[in-house]
Amino acid sequence: MNDTVILRAGSTPSSPTLLLRRWSMEDVAALVEAYRDPVLRRWTSSVVDNEGDAVQWVKAQEQGWEAGVRFSFAVLEAQPDSNRGQLVGHVVLKGVVPGKPSAEVGYWTAAHARGRGFAHRALDALTGWAFATLRADGLQRLELLHQVDNLASCRVAQKSRYDFDKVLPAAPPAFPLDGHVHARHWDV
């Protein structure tokens, strides 16, 4: 995949333009800061406690791109006419296998950016990119999974037109509660 993949989610009267670009080492400090948030840590499986952890996390994202199985984007509140901005979140397409009809999406939003519509706008941009880029390889369905008590993720799924599909049974210890699967098909 191209190293210069950049997606934009246009501005609205109440929200600035979002820039989605591949993670880079210049994001390490902002990543460490985002992971200081206990709410973010509750819902993610990654552990980023310090700069070393953040460097390893960014390297893992780069390896996912190189392998063509995981495409993650830093979500930035864009500065005018720039490919820079303040980190507000993360979106990812994962579990990509050529010929496999489905893959999974995921995301998180930094504490200072929550409640501003960034998650669903970034997810919409990722969804459009995924279907435009990978439909020829057989991608037809995207799934969004979250723990049943993560009501904010349910709202993001609904706003992004991911329909509720089913309940996943709990799988302790990693997933102590049931989960929801939401899905979106390429023709929706």
N, C-alpha and C. Protein backbone atom coordinates (compact mmCIF):
# COMPACT_ATOMS: atom_id res chain seq x y z
N MET A 1 0.84 -1.19 0.00
CA MET A 1 0.00 0.00 0.00
C MET A 1 0.88 1.25 0.00
N ASN A 2 0.38 2.28 -0.55
CA ASN A 2 1.08 3.55 -0.69
C ASN A 2 1.42 4.16 0.67
N ASP A 3 2.67 4.62 0.82
CA ASP A 3 3.11 5.26 2.07
C ASP A 3 2.44 6.60 2.31
N THR A 4 1.87 7.20 1.30
CA THR A 4 1.32 8.54 1.44
C THR A 4 -0.19 8.56 1.49
N VAL A 5 -0.80 7.49 1.95
CA VAL A 5 -2.26 7.46 2.06
C VAL A 5 -2.72 8.53 3.04
N ILE A 6 -3.51 9.45 2.54
CA ILE A 6 -4.07 10.51 3.37
C ILE A 6 -5.54 10.62 3.03
N LEU A 7 -6.37 10.59 4.05
CA LEU A 7 -7.81 10.74 3.87
C LEU A 7 -8.23 12.01 4.58
N ARG A 8 -9.25 12.64 4.06
CA ARG A 8 -9.80 13.83 4.71
C ARG A 8 -11.28 13.62 4.94
N ALA A 9 -11.72 14.00 6.12
CA ALA A 9 -13.15 14.06 6.45
C ALA A 9 -13.46 15.54 6.51
N GLY A 10 -14.27 16.02 5.58
CA GLY A 10 -14.54 17.44 5.43
C GLY A 10 -15.08 18.10 6.68
N SER A 11 -14.96 19.39 6.70
CA SER A 11 -15.42 20.16 7.84
C SER A 11 -16.94 20.34 7.79
N THR A 12 -17.49 20.64 8.94
CA THR A 12 -18.90 20.99 9.08
C THR A 12 -18.91 22.33 9.81
N PRO A 13 -20.07 22.99 9.92
CA PRO A 13 -20.09 24.26 10.65
C PRO A 13 -19.56 24.16 12.08
N SER A 14 -19.70 22.98 12.70
CA SER A 14 -19.27 22.84 14.09
C SER A 14 -18.01 21.99 14.26
N SER A 15 -17.47 21.43 13.18
CA SER A 15 -16.30 20.56 13.28
C SER A 15 -15.30 20.87 12.18
N PRO A 16 -14.02 20.92 12.54
CA PRO A 16 -13.00 21.17 11.53
C PRO A 16 -12.73 19.93 10.68
N THR A 17 -11.97 20.13 9.63
CA THR A 17 -11.56 19.03 8.77
C THR A 17 -10.69 18.05 9.57
N LEU A 18 -10.92 16.78 9.34
CA LEU A 18 -10.08 15.74 9.93
C LEU A 18 -9.13 15.22 8.87
N LEU A 19 -7.93 14.93 9.29
CA LEU A 19 -6.91 14.36 8.43
C LEU A 19 -6.60 12.97 8.97
N LEU A 20 -6.68 11.97 8.13
CA LEU A 20 -6.31 10.61 8.52
C LEU A 20 -5.07 10.25 7.72
N ARG A 21 -4.00 9.91 8.43
CA ARG A 21 -2.76 9.52 7.77
C ARG A 21 -2.11 8.39 8.55
N ARG A 22 -1.19 7.71 7.90
CA ARG A 22 -0.47 6.63 8.56
C ARG A 22 0.26 7.15 9.79
N TRP A 23 0.33 6.31 10.82
CA TRP A 23 1.07 6.65 12.03
C TRP A 23 2.55 6.76 11.69
N SER A 24 3.25 7.64 12.41
CA SER A 24 4.69 7.79 12.23
C SER A 24 5.35 8.03 13.59
N MET A 25 6.65 7.96 13.59
CA MET A 25 7.39 8.16 14.85
C MET A 25 7.18 9.57 15.41
N GLU A 26 6.81 10.51 14.59
CA GLU A 26 6.55 11.86 15.11
C GLU A 26 5.29 11.90 15.97
N ASP A 27 4.51 10.83 15.98
CA ASP A 27 3.28 10.75 16.79
C ASP A 27 3.50 10.16 18.18
N VAL A 28 4.71 9.73 18.49
CA VAL A 28 4.97 9.00 19.73
C VAL A 28 4.55 9.79 20.97
N ALA A 29 4.96 11.03 21.09
CA ALA A 29 4.63 11.81 22.29
C ALA A 29 3.12 11.99 22.44
N ALA A 30 2.43 12.28 21.35
CA ALA A 30 0.97 12.45 21.41
C ALA A 30 0.28 11.13 21.75
N LEU A 31 0.84 10.02 21.28
CA LEU A 31 0.27 8.70 21.59
C LEU A 31 0.40 8.39 23.08
N VAL A 32 1.56 8.66 23.65
CA VAL A 32 1.76 8.45 25.09
C VAL A 32 0.75 9.29 25.87
N GLU A 33 0.58 10.54 25.47
CA GLU A 33 -0.37 11.43 26.15
C GLU A 33 -1.80 10.89 26.04
N ALA A 34 -2.20 10.44 24.87
CA ALA A 34 -3.56 9.91 24.69
C ALA A 34 -3.80 8.70 25.60
N TYR A 35 -2.80 7.85 25.75
CA TYR A 35 -2.95 6.63 26.55
C TYR A 35 -2.88 6.88 28.06
N ARG A 36 -2.69 8.10 28.47
CA ARG A 36 -2.77 8.41 29.91
C ARG A 36 -4.22 8.42 30.38
N ASP A 37 -5.15 8.45 29.46
CA ASP A 37 -6.58 8.52 29.75
C ASP A 37 -7.10 7.16 30.22
N PRO A 38 -7.62 7.06 31.45
CA PRO A 38 -8.12 5.76 31.94
C PRO A 38 -9.31 5.23 31.14
N VAL A 39 -10.11 6.10 30.56
CA VAL A 39 -11.25 5.64 29.75
C VAL A 39 -10.73 4.94 28.49
N LEU A 40 -9.77 5.54 27.82
CA LEU A 40 -9.17 4.91 26.64
C LEU A 40 -8.56 3.57 27.00
N ARG A 41 -7.84 3.53 28.10
CA ARG A 41 -7.18 2.28 28.51
C ARG A 41 -8.20 1.19 28.84
N ARG A 42 -9.37 1.59 29.32
CA ARG A 42 -10.39 0.60 29.64
C ARG A 42 -10.87 -0.15 28.40
N TRP A 43 -10.98 0.55 27.29
CA TRP A 43 -11.60 -0.04 26.10
C TRP A 43 -10.60 -0.60 25.10
N THR A 44 -9.31 -0.38 25.30
CA THR A 44 -8.34 -0.89 24.33
C THR A 44 -7.51 -2.01 24.95
N SER A 45 -6.98 -2.85 24.10
CA SER A 45 -6.15 -3.95 24.59
C SER A 45 -4.67 -3.60 24.57
N SER A 46 -4.31 -2.52 23.92
CA SER A 46 -2.91 -2.11 23.85
C SER A 46 -2.49 -1.44 25.15
N VAL A 47 -1.21 -1.57 25.46
CA VAL A 47 -0.65 -0.91 26.63
C VAL A 47 0.45 0.03 26.12
N VAL A 48 0.23 1.32 26.34
CA VAL A 48 1.22 2.33 25.98
C VAL A 48 1.45 3.17 27.23
N ASP A 49 2.48 2.80 27.99
CA ASP A 49 2.78 3.50 29.24
C ASP A 49 3.88 4.54 29.11
N ASN A 50 4.70 4.41 28.05
CA ASN A 50 5.86 5.29 27.93
C ASN A 50 6.29 5.38 26.47
N GLU A 51 7.34 6.13 26.25
CA GLU A 51 7.82 6.34 24.88
C GLU A 51 8.23 5.03 24.21
N GLY A 52 8.88 4.14 24.94
CA GLY A 52 9.28 2.86 24.38
C GLY A 52 8.09 2.04 23.91
N ASP A 53 7.03 2.01 24.73
CA ASP A 53 5.80 1.31 24.33
C ASP A 53 5.20 1.94 23.08
N ALA A 54 5.21 3.26 23.03
CA ALA A 54 4.63 3.97 21.89
C ALA A 54 5.42 3.69 20.61
N VAL A 55 6.73 3.66 20.71
CA VAL A 55 7.57 3.34 19.54
C VAL A 55 7.23 1.94 19.04
N GLN A 56 7.11 0.97 19.95
CA GLN A 56 6.76 -0.39 19.55
C GLN A 56 5.38 -0.44 18.92
N TRP A 57 4.42 0.32 19.47
CA TRP A 57 3.06 0.35 18.93
C TRP A 57 3.08 0.91 17.50
N VAL A 58 3.79 2.01 17.29
CA VAL A 58 3.87 2.60 15.94
C VAL A 58 4.54 1.61 14.98
N LYS A 59 5.60 0.95 15.43
CA LYS A 59 6.26 -0.04 14.57
C LYS A 59 5.29 -1.16 14.19
N ALA A 60 4.46 -1.59 15.13
CA ALA A 60 3.48 -2.64 14.84
C ALA A 60 2.48 -2.16 13.78
N GLN A 61 2.11 -0.88 13.85
CA GLN A 61 1.19 -0.34 12.84
C GLN A 61 1.87 -0.33 11.47
N GLU A 62 3.14 0.06 11.43
CA GLU A 62 3.89 0.06 10.18
C GLU A 62 4.00 -1.35 9.60
N GLN A 63 4.23 -2.34 10.47
CA GLN A 63 4.34 -3.73 10.02
C GLN A 63 3.01 -4.22 9.45
N GLY A 64 1.89 -3.79 10.06
CA GLY A 64 0.58 -4.16 9.53
C GLY A 64 0.37 -3.66 8.12
N TRP A 65 0.79 -2.41 7.87
CA TRP A 65 0.70 -1.85 6.51
C TRP A 65 1.57 -2.66 5.55
N GLU A 66 2.83 -2.93 5.97
CA GLU A 66 3.75 -3.66 5.10
C GLU A 66 3.22 -5.05 4.75
N ALA A 67 2.57 -5.71 5.71
CA ALA A 67 2.03 -7.04 5.48
C ALA A 67 0.69 -7.01 4.74
N GLY A 68 0.06 -5.83 4.69
CA GLY A 68 -1.22 -5.71 4.01
C GLY A 68 -2.38 -6.32 4.77
N VAL A 69 -2.26 -6.41 6.11
CA VAL A 69 -3.32 -7.04 6.91
C VAL A 69 -3.97 -6.10 7.92
N ARG A 70 -3.32 -4.94 8.14
CA ARG A 70 -3.80 -4.00 9.15
C ARG A 70 -3.43 -2.59 8.69
N PHE A 71 -4.46 -1.76 8.52
CA PHE A 71 -4.25 -0.41 8.00
C PHE A 71 -4.77 0.59 9.04
N SER A 72 -3.83 1.18 9.77
CA SER A 72 -4.22 2.08 10.85
C SER A 72 -3.85 3.52 10.49
N PHE A 73 -4.69 4.42 10.97
CA PHE A 73 -4.54 5.83 10.68
C PHE A 73 -4.57 6.64 11.97
N ALA A 74 -3.66 7.60 12.07
CA ALA A 74 -3.76 8.63 13.09
C ALA A 74 -4.83 9.60 12.60
N VAL A 75 -5.72 10.02 13.48
CA VAL A 75 -6.76 10.99 13.13
C VAL A 75 -6.36 12.33 13.75
N LEU A 76 -6.23 13.33 12.89
CA LEU A 76 -5.77 14.65 13.33
C LEU A 76 -6.82 15.70 13.03
N GLU A 77 -6.95 16.65 13.92
CA GLU A 77 -7.74 17.84 13.65
C GLU A 77 -6.83 18.71 12.78
N ALA A 78 -7.14 18.78 11.51
CA ALA A 78 -6.21 19.35 10.52
C ALA A 78 -5.99 20.83 10.69
N GLN A 79 -4.76 21.23 10.43
CA GLN A 79 -4.44 22.64 10.32
C GLN A 79 -4.70 23.03 8.87
N PRO A 80 -5.16 24.24 8.62
CA PRO A 80 -5.46 24.65 7.24
C PRO A 80 -4.27 24.43 6.30
N ASP A 81 -4.56 23.86 5.13
CA ASP A 81 -3.57 23.65 4.06
C ASP A 81 -2.33 22.92 4.54
N SER A 82 -2.54 21.89 5.35
CA SER A 82 -1.39 21.18 5.93
C SER A 82 -1.73 19.71 6.09
N ASN A 83 -0.70 18.90 6.17
CA ASN A 83 -0.87 17.48 6.52
C ASN A 83 -0.47 17.26 7.96
N ARG A 84 -0.67 18.28 8.77
CA ARG A 84 -0.36 18.24 10.20
C ARG A 84 -1.61 18.61 10.98
N GLY A 85 -1.54 18.38 12.28
CA GLY A 85 -2.64 18.75 13.15
C GLY A 85 -2.50 18.08 14.50
N GLN A 86 -3.47 18.33 15.37
CA GLN A 86 -3.46 17.75 16.71
C GLN A 86 -4.11 16.36 16.66
N LEU A 87 -3.46 15.39 17.31
CA LEU A 87 -4.00 14.03 17.37
C LEU A 87 -5.31 14.02 18.15
N VAL A 88 -6.36 13.49 17.52
CA VAL A 88 -7.66 13.37 18.18
C VAL A 88 -8.15 11.93 18.24
N GLY A 89 -7.47 11.02 17.53
CA GLY A 89 -7.93 9.63 17.59
C GLY A 89 -7.17 8.71 16.66
N HIS A 90 -7.77 7.55 16.48
CA HIS A 90 -7.17 6.45 15.73
C HIS A 90 -8.30 5.65 15.11
N VAL A 91 -8.12 5.23 13.85
CA VAL A 91 -9.02 4.27 13.22
C VAL A 91 -8.17 3.20 12.55
N VAL A 92 -8.73 2.00 12.47
CA VAL A 92 -7.97 0.88 11.93
C VAL A 92 -8.90 -0.08 11.19
N LEU A 93 -8.36 -0.62 10.11
CA LEU A 93 -8.98 -1.72 9.39
C LEU A 93 -8.07 -2.91 9.62
N LYS A 94 -8.59 -3.99 10.19
CA LYS A 94 -7.74 -5.12 10.55
C LYS A 94 -8.36 -6.45 10.13
N GLY A 95 -7.52 -7.46 10.09
CA GLY A 95 -7.99 -8.78 9.68
C GLY A 95 -8.24 -8.86 8.19
N VAL A 96 -7.49 -8.10 7.42
CA VAL A 96 -7.66 -8.07 5.96
C VAL A 96 -6.92 -9.25 5.36
N VAL A 97 -7.66 -10.04 4.59
CA VAL A 97 -7.09 -11.18 3.89
C VAL A 97 -7.67 -11.16 2.48
N PRO A 98 -6.81 -11.12 1.44
CA PRO A 98 -7.35 -11.13 0.07
C PRO A 98 -8.30 -12.30 -0.15
N GLY A 99 -9.45 -12.01 -0.71
CA GLY A 99 -10.46 -13.03 -0.96
C GLY A 99 -11.42 -13.25 0.19
N LYS A 100 -11.06 -12.81 1.38
CA LYS A 100 -11.96 -12.92 2.53
C LYS A 100 -12.98 -11.78 2.44
N PRO A 101 -14.25 -12.08 2.56
CA PRO A 101 -15.27 -11.05 2.34
C PRO A 101 -15.45 -10.05 3.47
N SER A 102 -14.84 -10.29 4.63
CA SER A 102 -15.05 -9.37 5.75
C SER A 102 -13.73 -9.00 6.42
N ALA A 103 -13.76 -7.86 7.09
CA ALA A 103 -12.64 -7.39 7.91
C ALA A 103 -13.26 -6.61 9.06
N GLU A 104 -12.43 -6.22 10.01
CA GLU A 104 -12.91 -5.53 11.20
C GLU A 104 -12.38 -4.10 11.22
N VAL A 105 -13.20 -3.20 11.74
CA VAL A 105 -12.76 -1.82 11.97
C VAL A 105 -12.72 -1.58 13.47
N GLY A 106 -11.88 -0.64 13.86
CA GLY A 106 -11.80 -0.24 15.25
C GLY A 106 -11.37 1.21 15.33
N TYR A 107 -11.48 1.78 16.50
CA TYR A 107 -11.13 3.19 16.66
C TYR A 107 -11.03 3.52 18.13
N TRP A 108 -10.42 4.65 18.41
CA TRP A 108 -10.49 5.28 19.72
C TRP A 108 -10.39 6.79 19.52
N THR A 109 -10.86 7.52 20.50
CA THR A 109 -10.81 8.97 20.47
C THR A 109 -10.09 9.45 21.72
N ALA A 110 -9.20 10.41 21.53
CA ALA A 110 -8.48 11.00 22.67
C ALA A 110 -9.47 11.73 23.57
N ALA A 111 -9.18 11.77 24.85
CA ALA A 111 -10.09 12.35 25.84
C ALA A 111 -10.51 13.77 25.49
N HIS A 112 -9.58 14.60 25.07
CA HIS A 112 -9.89 16.00 24.79
C HIS A 112 -10.77 16.18 23.56
N ALA A 113 -10.93 15.13 22.77
CA ALA A 113 -11.68 15.24 21.51
C ALA A 113 -13.04 14.54 21.54
N ARG A 114 -13.38 13.89 22.63
CA ARG A 114 -14.64 13.14 22.68
C ARG A 114 -15.85 14.07 22.64
N GLY A 115 -16.92 13.55 22.05
CA GLY A 115 -18.17 14.28 21.99
C GLY A 115 -18.24 15.32 20.89
N ARG A 116 -17.28 15.32 20.00
CA ARG A 116 -17.24 16.31 18.92
C ARG A 116 -17.50 15.69 17.55
N GLY A 117 -17.90 14.42 17.51
CA GLY A 117 -18.24 13.76 16.25
C GLY A 117 -17.04 13.26 15.47
N PHE A 118 -15.86 13.28 16.06
CA PHE A 118 -14.67 12.86 15.34
C PHE A 118 -14.68 11.37 15.04
N ALA A 119 -15.11 10.55 15.99
CA ALA A 119 -15.05 9.09 15.81
C ALA A 119 -15.87 8.65 14.61
N HIS A 120 -17.11 9.09 14.53
CA HIS A 120 -17.92 8.61 13.40
C HIS A 120 -17.48 9.21 12.08
N ARG A 121 -16.97 10.43 12.07
CA ARG A 121 -16.48 11.02 10.82
C ARG A 121 -15.23 10.28 10.34
N ALA A 122 -14.32 9.96 11.26
CA ALA A 122 -13.12 9.21 10.90
C ALA A 122 -13.49 7.80 10.44
N LEU A 123 -14.44 7.17 11.13
CA LEU A 123 -14.88 5.83 10.75
C LEU A 123 -15.53 5.85 9.37
N ASP A 124 -16.32 6.87 9.07
CA ASP A 124 -16.91 7.00 7.73
C ASP A 124 -15.82 7.10 6.66
N ALA A 125 -14.79 7.90 6.92
CA ALA A 125 -13.69 8.05 5.96
C ALA A 125 -12.96 6.72 5.77
N LEU A 126 -12.68 6.03 6.86
CA LEU A 126 -12.02 4.72 6.77
C LEU A 126 -12.88 3.73 6.00
N THR A 127 -14.17 3.71 6.29
CA THR A 127 -15.09 2.78 5.62
C THR A 127 -15.09 3.01 4.11
N GLY A 128 -15.21 4.27 3.72
CA GLY A 128 -15.19 4.59 2.28
C GLY A 128 -13.89 4.17 1.63
N TRP A 129 -12.77 4.44 2.31
CA TRP A 129 -11.47 4.06 1.78
C TRP A 129 -11.35 2.54 1.67
N ALA A 130 -11.78 1.83 2.69
CA ALA A 130 -11.66 0.37 2.70
C ALA A 130 -12.42 -0.25 1.53
N PHE A 131 -13.65 0.17 1.34
CA PHE A 131 -14.42 -0.41 0.24
C PHE A 131 -13.87 0.01 -1.12
N ALA A 132 -13.44 1.26 -1.26
CA ALA A 132 -12.88 1.72 -2.53
C ALA A 132 -11.56 1.01 -2.86
N THR A 133 -10.77 0.74 -1.84
CA THR A 133 -9.45 0.16 -2.04
C THR A 133 -9.46 -1.35 -2.13
N LEU A 134 -10.32 -2.01 -1.36
CA LEU A 134 -10.24 -3.47 -1.21
C LEU A 134 -11.43 -4.25 -1.76
N ARG A 135 -12.41 -3.57 -2.28
CA ARG A 135 -13.58 -4.29 -2.81
C ARG A 135 -13.18 -5.23 -3.94
N ALA A 136 -12.23 -4.81 -4.78
CA ALA A 136 -11.78 -5.67 -5.88
C ALA A 136 -11.11 -6.93 -5.37
N ASP A 137 -10.60 -6.90 -4.13
CA ASP A 137 -9.99 -8.09 -3.51
C ASP A 137 -11.01 -8.95 -2.78
N GLY A 138 -12.28 -8.58 -2.89
CA GLY A 138 -13.33 -9.39 -2.30
C GLY A 138 -13.96 -8.83 -1.04
N LEU A 139 -13.50 -7.69 -0.55
CA LEU A 139 -14.08 -7.13 0.67
C LEU A 139 -15.51 -6.67 0.42
N GLN A 140 -16.45 -7.22 1.22
CA GLN A 140 -17.86 -6.89 1.08
C GLN A 140 -18.49 -6.42 2.37
N ARG A 141 -17.86 -6.73 3.50
CA ARG A 141 -18.48 -6.47 4.80
C ARG A 141 -17.42 -6.01 5.79
N LEU A 142 -17.77 -4.99 6.55
CA LEU A 142 -16.92 -4.53 7.65
C LEU A 142 -17.67 -4.73 8.95
N GLU A 143 -16.94 -5.21 9.96
CA GLU A 143 -17.54 -5.44 11.27
C GLU A 143 -16.90 -4.55 12.31
N LEU A 144 -17.71 -4.04 13.19
CA LEU A 144 -17.28 -3.22 14.32
C LEU A 144 -17.70 -3.97 15.58
N LEU A 145 -16.74 -4.32 16.43
CA LEU A 145 -17.03 -5.07 17.65
C LEU A 145 -16.74 -4.19 18.86
N HIS A 146 -17.60 -4.29 19.87
CA HIS A 146 -17.34 -3.57 21.11
C HIS A 146 -18.04 -4.29 22.25
N GLN A 147 -17.56 -4.02 23.45
CA GLN A 147 -18.16 -4.61 24.65
C GLN A 147 -19.57 -4.04 24.82
N VAL A 148 -20.48 -4.85 25.31
CA VAL A 148 -21.90 -4.48 25.38
C VAL A 148 -22.14 -3.22 26.21
N ASP A 149 -21.29 -2.94 27.19
CA ASP A 149 -21.51 -1.75 28.02
C ASP A 149 -20.82 -0.49 27.49
N ASN A 150 -20.25 -0.58 26.29
CA ASN A 150 -19.62 0.59 25.68
C ASN A 150 -20.67 1.32 24.82
N LEU A 151 -21.49 2.11 25.49
CA LEU A 151 -22.61 2.78 24.82
C LEU A 151 -22.13 3.80 23.80
N ALA A 152 -21.00 4.45 24.05
CA ALA A 152 -20.48 5.42 23.09
C ALA A 152 -20.14 4.74 21.76
N SER A 153 -19.59 3.53 21.82
CA SER A 153 -19.28 2.81 20.58
C SER A 153 -20.55 2.40 19.84
N CYS A 154 -21.60 2.09 20.57
CA CYS A 154 -22.88 1.80 19.92
C CYS A 154 -23.37 3.03 19.14
N ARG A 155 -23.25 4.20 19.76
CA ARG A 155 -23.69 5.43 19.09
C ARG A 155 -22.85 5.72 17.84
N VAL A 156 -21.54 5.52 17.95
CA VAL A 156 -20.67 5.73 16.79
C VAL A 156 -21.06 4.76 15.67
N ALA A 157 -21.29 3.51 16.00
CA ALA A 157 -21.69 2.53 14.99
C ALA A 157 -22.98 2.96 14.30
N GLN A 158 -23.96 3.38 15.06
CA GLN A 158 -25.23 3.81 14.48
C GLN A 158 -25.06 5.02 13.59
N LYS A 159 -24.31 6.02 14.04
CA LYS A 159 -24.09 7.22 13.23
C LYS A 159 -23.35 6.90 11.94
N SER A 160 -22.54 5.87 11.96
CA SER A 160 -21.73 5.49 10.80
C SER A 160 -22.43 4.43 9.94
N ARG A 161 -23.68 4.17 10.23
CA ARG A 161 -24.51 3.23 9.46
C ARG A 161 -24.01 1.78 9.52
N TYR A 162 -23.44 1.43 10.68
CA TYR A 162 -23.10 0.04 10.96
C TYR A 162 -24.29 -0.52 11.74
N ASP A 163 -25.01 -1.44 11.13
CA ASP A 163 -26.21 -2.00 11.75
C ASP A 163 -25.84 -3.06 12.78
N PHE A 164 -26.63 -3.10 13.86
CA PHE A 164 -26.44 -4.15 14.87
C PHE A 164 -26.68 -5.50 14.21
N ASP A 165 -25.76 -6.44 14.43
CA ASP A 165 -25.84 -7.75 13.79
C ASP A 165 -26.11 -8.87 14.79
N LYS A 166 -25.33 -8.90 15.89
CA LYS A 166 -25.50 -9.99 16.85
C LYS A 166 -24.76 -9.68 18.14
N VAL A 167 -25.03 -10.50 19.14
CA VAL A 167 -24.33 -10.44 20.42
C VAL A 167 -23.28 -11.55 20.43
N LEU A 168 -22.08 -11.19 20.84
CA LEU A 168 -21.02 -12.18 21.03
C LEU A 168 -20.98 -12.54 22.50
N PRO A 169 -20.91 -13.82 22.84
CA PRO A 169 -20.83 -14.20 24.25
C PRO A 169 -19.49 -13.78 24.85
N ALA A 170 -19.51 -13.50 26.13
CA ALA A 170 -18.29 -13.13 26.86
C ALA A 170 -17.24 -14.21 26.71
N ALA A 171 -15.97 -13.78 26.73
CA ALA A 171 -14.84 -14.71 26.64
C ALA A 171 -13.77 -14.26 27.64
N PRO A 172 -14.06 -14.46 28.96
CA PRO A 172 -13.11 -14.02 29.98
C PRO A 172 -11.77 -14.74 29.83
N PRO A 173 -10.68 -14.16 30.24
CA PRO A 173 -10.60 -12.89 30.95
C PRO A 173 -10.50 -11.68 30.00
N ALA A 174 -10.09 -11.90 28.75
CA ALA A 174 -9.90 -10.76 27.85
C ALA A 174 -11.19 -10.00 27.58
N PHE A 175 -12.30 -10.70 27.45
CA PHE A 175 -13.59 -10.08 27.17
C PHE A 175 -14.59 -10.55 28.22
N PRO A 176 -14.63 -9.88 29.37
CA PRO A 176 -15.43 -10.36 30.50
C PRO A 176 -16.94 -10.22 30.30
N LEU A 177 -17.37 -9.36 29.39
CA LEU A 177 -18.80 -9.16 29.13
C LEU A 177 -19.13 -9.52 27.69
N ASP A 178 -20.41 -9.72 27.44
CA ASP A 178 -20.86 -9.93 26.07
C ASP A 178 -20.42 -8.75 25.20
N GLY A 179 -20.42 -8.96 23.91
CA GLY A 179 -20.06 -7.90 22.97
C GLY A 179 -21.12 -7.72 21.91
N HIS A 180 -21.07 -6.61 21.23
CA HIS A 180 -21.95 -6.35 20.09
C HIS A 180 -21.12 -6.40 18.81
N VAL A 181 -21.72 -6.95 17.77
CA VAL A 181 -21.15 -6.88 16.43
C VAL A 181 -22.10 -6.02 15.61
N HIS A 182 -21.54 -4.97 15.02
CA HIS A 182 -22.27 -4.13 14.07
C HIS A 182 -21.62 -4.37 12.71
N ALA A 183 -22.37 -4.26 11.62
CA ALA A 183 -21.81 -4.54 10.31
C ALA A 183 -22.29 -3.51 9.28
N ARG A 184 -21.43 -3.31 8.31
CA ARG A 184 -21.78 -2.46 7.17
C ARG A 184 -21.31 -3.15 5.92
N HIS A 185 -22.15 -3.14 4.90
CA HIS A 185 -21.84 -3.78 3.62
C HIS A 185 -21.48 -2.72 2.60
N TRP A 186 -20.69 -3.09 1.61
CA TRP A 186 -20.15 -2.10 0.68
C TRP A 186 -21.22 -1.36 -0.11
N ASP A 187 -22.37 -1.90 -0.28
CA ASP A 187 -23.40 -1.23 -1.08
C ASP A 187 -24.33 -0.36 -0.25
N VAL A 188 -24.01 -0.18 1.05
CA VAL A 188 -24.87 0.64 1.91
C VAL A 188 -24.30 2.02 2.05
